[in-house]
Amino acid sequence: MQSLCDEFASAVNAPDGYFGDNFQSFDDCLFGGFGLESPCNIIWKYSADSKKYLGCKMLEAYCEDILDNNPDIHGPDFKEGKAWCLDTLKKVKLGERDFYDEVIDTINSVSERAGFEHKVELILE
């Protein structure tokens, strides 16, 4: 994950080379203010090679880390996040979801999730 964040930071000339150091901060950085300017195209070269490293085990570890190390996730204000973790773990264990899929979907959904005009398009090479 850190390599992915570092590559994105380099590509968008992020201040101090920062584009997150975990998946949640990576997602935050996609909304701009850290070197990413909208509208933009993100061209992910060698994306098939990245898929090898962003696998099921990585997504499983990410979800388990949230469930094990974030006590707030078990509170009433985080029901949606906990449900996402549990549902994602089921998909991971069935081989239906990996971290690569999660990164792709996260980037592709930025424009839809933004509360302002913010167009980000992902191009896989």
C-alpha atoms as a PDB file:
ATOM      1  CA  MET A   1       0.000   0.000   0.000  1.00  0.00           C
ATOM      2  CA  GLN A   2       2.814   2.390   0.817  1.00  0.00           C
ATOM      3  CA  SER A   3       4.343   1.851  -2.631  1.00  0.00           C
ATOM      4  CA  LEU A   4       0.997   2.667  -4.248  1.00  0.00           C
ATOM      5  CA  CYS A   5       0.698   5.873  -2.197  1.00  0.00           C
ATOM      6  CA  ASP A   6       4.280   6.829  -3.042  1.00  0.00           C
ATOM      7  CA  GLU A   7       3.714   6.313  -6.772  1.00  0.00           C
ATOM      8  CA  PHE A   8       0.568   8.428  -6.738  1.00  0.00           C
ATOM      9  CA  ALA A   9       2.351  11.167  -4.770  1.00  0.00           C
ATOM     10  CA  SER A  10       5.106  11.232  -7.356  1.00  0.00           C
ATOM     11  CA  ALA A  11       2.668  11.269 -10.282  1.00  0.00           C
ATOM     12  CA  VAL A  12       0.657  14.244  -9.007  1.00  0.00           C
ATOM     13  CA  ASN A  13       3.608  16.128  -7.510  1.00  0.00           C
ATOM     14  CA  ALA A  14       1.978  15.975  -4.085  1.00  0.00           C
ATOM     15  CA  PRO A  15       3.338  18.376  -1.454  1.00  0.00           C
ATOM     16  CA  ASP A  16       6.129  16.740   0.535  1.00  0.00           C
ATOM     17  CA  GLY A  17       5.552  13.577  -1.499  1.00  0.00           C
ATOM     18  CA  TYR A  18       2.435  12.713   0.511  1.00  0.00           C
ATOM     19  CA  PHE A  19      -0.546  10.894  -0.950  1.00  0.00           C
ATOM     20  CA  GLY A  20      -1.556   8.938   2.095  1.00  0.00           C
ATOM     21  CA  ASP A  21       0.098   6.146   3.985  1.00  0.00           C
ATOM     22  CA  ASN A  22      -2.926   3.883   4.316  1.00  0.00           C
ATOM     23  CA  PHE A  23      -6.016   3.202   2.253  1.00  0.00           C
ATOM     24  CA  GLN A  24      -8.258   5.688   4.057  1.00  0.00           C
ATOM     25  CA  SER A  25      -5.824   8.567   3.638  1.00  0.00           C
ATOM     26  CA  PHE A  26      -5.222   7.523   0.013  1.00  0.00           C
ATOM     27  CA  ASP A  27      -8.973   7.832  -0.570  1.00  0.00           C
ATOM     28  CA  ASP A  28      -9.008  11.260   1.111  1.00  0.00           C
ATOM     29  CA  CYS A  29      -6.170  12.447  -1.131  1.00  0.00           C
ATOM     30  CA  LEU A  30      -8.148  11.496  -4.242  1.00  0.00           C
ATOM     31  CA  PHE A  31     -10.490  14.388  -3.460  1.00  0.00           C
ATOM     32  CA  GLY A  32      -7.758  16.973  -4.050  1.00  0.00           C
ATOM     33  CA  GLY A  33      -5.791  19.393  -1.949  1.00  0.00           C
ATOM     34  CA  PHE A  34      -2.708  17.150  -2.000  1.00  0.00           C
ATOM     35  CA  GLY A  35      -1.429  17.804  -5.503  1.00  0.00           C
ATOM     36  CA  LEU A  36      -4.303  16.184  -7.380  1.00  0.00           C
ATOM     37  CA  GLU A  37      -6.168  18.716  -9.482  1.00  0.00           C
ATOM     38  CA  SER A  38      -9.499  18.128 -11.139  1.00  0.00           C
ATOM     39  CA  PRO A  39     -10.343  17.301 -13.811  1.00  0.00           C
ATOM     40  CA  CYS A  40      -7.668  14.669 -14.208  1.00  0.00           C
ATOM     41  CA  ASN A  41      -6.944  11.333 -15.784  1.00  0.00           C
ATOM     42  CA  ILE A  42      -5.060   8.804 -13.705  1.00  0.00           C
ATOM     43  CA  ILE A  43      -3.113   6.540 -16.020  1.00  0.00           C
ATOM     44  CA  TRP A  44      -2.094   3.391 -14.165  1.00  0.00           C
ATOM     45  CA  LYS A  45       0.718   1.809 -16.147  1.00  0.00           C
ATOM     46  CA  TYR A  46       1.402  -1.881 -15.645  1.00  0.00           C
ATOM     47  CA  SER A  47      -1.849  -2.220 -13.712  1.00  0.00           C
ATOM     48  CA  ALA A  48      -1.940  -5.986 -14.339  1.00  0.00           C
ATOM     49  CA  ASP A  49       1.391  -6.271 -12.510  1.00  0.00           C
ATOM     50  CA  SER A  50      -0.021  -4.272  -9.603  1.00  0.00           C
ATOM     51  CA  LYS A  51      -2.916  -6.719  -9.329  1.00  0.00           C
ATOM     52  CA  LYS A  52      -0.431  -9.436  -8.340  1.00  0.00           C
ATOM     53  CA  TYR A  53       0.606  -7.451  -5.260  1.00  0.00           C
ATOM     54  CA  LEU A  54      -2.759  -5.970  -4.288  1.00  0.00           C
ATOM     55  CA  GLY A  55      -4.368  -9.332  -3.642  1.00  0.00           C
ATOM     56  CA  CYS A  56      -6.942 -10.982  -1.413  1.00  0.00           C
ATOM     57  CA  LYS A  57      -4.585 -11.403   1.532  1.00  0.00           C
ATOM     58  CA  MET A  58      -3.823  -7.683   1.568  1.00  0.00           C
ATOM     59  CA  LEU A  59      -7.528  -6.765   1.611  1.00  0.00           C
ATOM     60  CA  GLU A  60      -8.215  -9.390   4.270  1.00  0.00           C
ATOM     61  CA  ALA A  61      -5.440  -7.987   6.475  1.00  0.00           C
ATOM     62  CA  TYR A  62      -6.752  -4.457   5.943  1.00  0.00           C
ATOM     63  CA  CYS A  63     -10.307  -5.375   7.024  1.00  0.00           C
ATOM     64  CA  GLU A  64      -9.121  -7.449   9.977  1.00  0.00           C
ATOM     65  CA  ASP A  65      -6.867  -4.612  11.112  1.00  0.00           C
ATOM     66  CA  ILE A  66      -9.840  -2.228  11.129  1.00  0.00           C
ATOM     67  CA  LEU A  67     -12.001  -4.689  13.070  1.00  0.00           C
ATOM     68  CA  ASP A  68      -9.240  -5.589  15.557  1.00  0.00           C
ATOM     69  CA  ASN A  69      -7.589  -2.224  16.128  1.00  0.00           C
ATOM     70  CA  ASN A  70     -10.308   0.392  15.779  1.00  0.00           C
ATOM     71  CA  PRO A  71     -12.610   0.160  18.795  1.00  0.00           C
ATOM     72  CA  ASP A  72     -14.929   2.812  17.329  1.00  0.00           C
ATOM     73  CA  ILE A  73     -15.877   0.462  14.489  1.00  0.00           C
ATOM     74  CA  HIS A  74     -17.946  -1.563  16.968  1.00  0.00           C
ATOM     75  CA  GLY A  75     -19.945   1.465  18.137  1.00  0.00           C
ATOM     76  CA  PRO A  76     -23.350   2.606  16.883  1.00  0.00           C
ATOM     77  CA  ASP A  77     -21.907   5.427  14.741  1.00  0.00           C
ATOM     78  CA  PHE A  78     -19.866   3.040  12.603  1.00  0.00           C
ATOM     79  CA  LYS A  79     -22.438   0.386  11.659  1.00  0.00           C
ATOM     80  CA  GLU A  80     -21.952   1.011   7.942  1.00  0.00           C
ATOM     81  CA  GLY A  81     -18.159   0.710   8.163  1.00  0.00           C
ATOM     82  CA  LYS A  82     -18.352  -2.475  10.195  1.00  0.00           C
ATOM     83  CA  ALA A  83     -20.880  -3.959   7.769  1.00  0.00           C
ATOM     84  CA  TRP A  84     -18.554  -3.083   4.868  1.00  0.00           C
ATOM     85  CA  CYS A  85     -15.615  -4.808   6.600  1.00  0.00           C
ATOM     86  CA  LEU A  86     -17.590  -7.965   7.350  1.00  0.00           C
ATOM     87  CA  ASP A  87     -19.130  -8.128   3.869  1.00  0.00           C
ATOM     88  CA  THR A  88     -15.759  -7.519   2.235  1.00  0.00           C
ATOM     89  CA  LEU A  89     -14.148 -10.260   4.342  1.00  0.00           C
ATOM     90  CA  LYS A  90     -16.796 -12.711   3.117  1.00  0.00           C
ATOM     91  CA  LYS A  91     -16.060 -11.773  -0.494  1.00  0.00           C
ATOM     92  CA  VAL A  92     -12.310 -12.058   0.093  1.00  0.00           C
ATOM     93  CA  LYS A  93     -12.632 -15.540   1.586  1.00  0.00           C
ATOM     94  CA  LEU A  94     -14.687 -16.611  -1.448  1.00  0.00           C
ATOM     95  CA  GLY A  95     -12.018 -15.183  -3.765  1.00  0.00           C
ATOM     96  CA  GLU A  96     -14.479 -12.618  -5.128  1.00  0.00           C
ATOM     97  CA  ARG A  97     -12.633  -9.467  -4.044  1.00  0.00           C
ATOM     98  CA  ASP A  98      -9.050  -8.306  -3.716  1.00  0.00           C
ATOM     99  CA  PHE A  99      -7.316  -5.053  -2.824  1.00  0.00           C
ATOM    100  CA  TYR A 100      -6.769  -4.235  -6.490  1.00  0.00           C
ATOM    101  CA  ASP A 101     -10.555  -4.302  -7.051  1.00  0.00           C
ATOM    102  CA  GLU A 102     -11.008  -2.068  -4.020  1.00  0.00           C
ATOM    103  CA  VAL A 103      -8.498   0.511  -5.276  1.00  0.00           C
ATOM    104  CA  ILE A 104     -10.057   0.516  -8.762  1.00  0.00           C
ATOM    105  CA  ASP A 105     -13.592   0.958  -7.410  1.00  0.00           C
ATOM    106  CA  THR A 106     -12.459   3.649  -4.991  1.00  0.00           C
ATOM    107  CA  ILE A 107     -10.814   5.705  -7.720  1.00  0.00           C
ATOM    108  CA  ASN A 108     -13.693   5.180 -10.158  1.00  0.00           C
ATOM    109  CA  SER A 109     -16.254   6.339  -7.581  1.00  0.00           C
ATOM    110  CA  VAL A 110     -14.534   9.624  -6.651  1.00  0.00           C
ATOM    111  CA  SER A 111     -16.523  11.784  -9.083  1.00  0.00           C
ATOM    112  CA  GLU A 112     -19.789  10.255  -7.866  1.00  0.00           C
ATOM    113  CA  ARG A 113     -18.919  10.579  -4.175  1.00  0.00           C
ATOM    114  CA  ALA A 114     -17.569  14.132  -4.391  1.00  0.00           C
ATOM    115  CA  GLY A 115     -19.933  16.760  -3.053  1.00  0.00           C
ATOM    116  CA  PHE A 116     -18.521  19.203  -5.595  1.00  0.00           C
ATOM    117  CA  GLU A 117     -17.447  19.194  -9.231  1.00  0.00           C
ATOM    118  CA  HIS A 118     -14.464  16.842  -9.137  1.00  0.00           C
ATOM    119  CA  LYS A 119     -13.800  14.662 -12.156  1.00  0.00           C
ATOM    120  CA  VAL A 120     -11.271  11.859 -11.887  1.00  0.00           C
ATOM    121  CA  GLU A 121     -10.987   9.228 -14.602  1.00  0.00           C
ATOM    122  CA  LEU A 122      -8.925   6.058 -14.263  1.00  0.00           C
ATOM    123  CA  ILE A 123      -7.214   4.582 -17.317  1.00  0.00           C
ATOM    124  CA  LEU A 124      -5.637   1.155 -16.892  1.00  0.00           C
ATOM    125  CA  GLU A 125      -2.701   0.195 -19.083  1.00  0.00           C
END
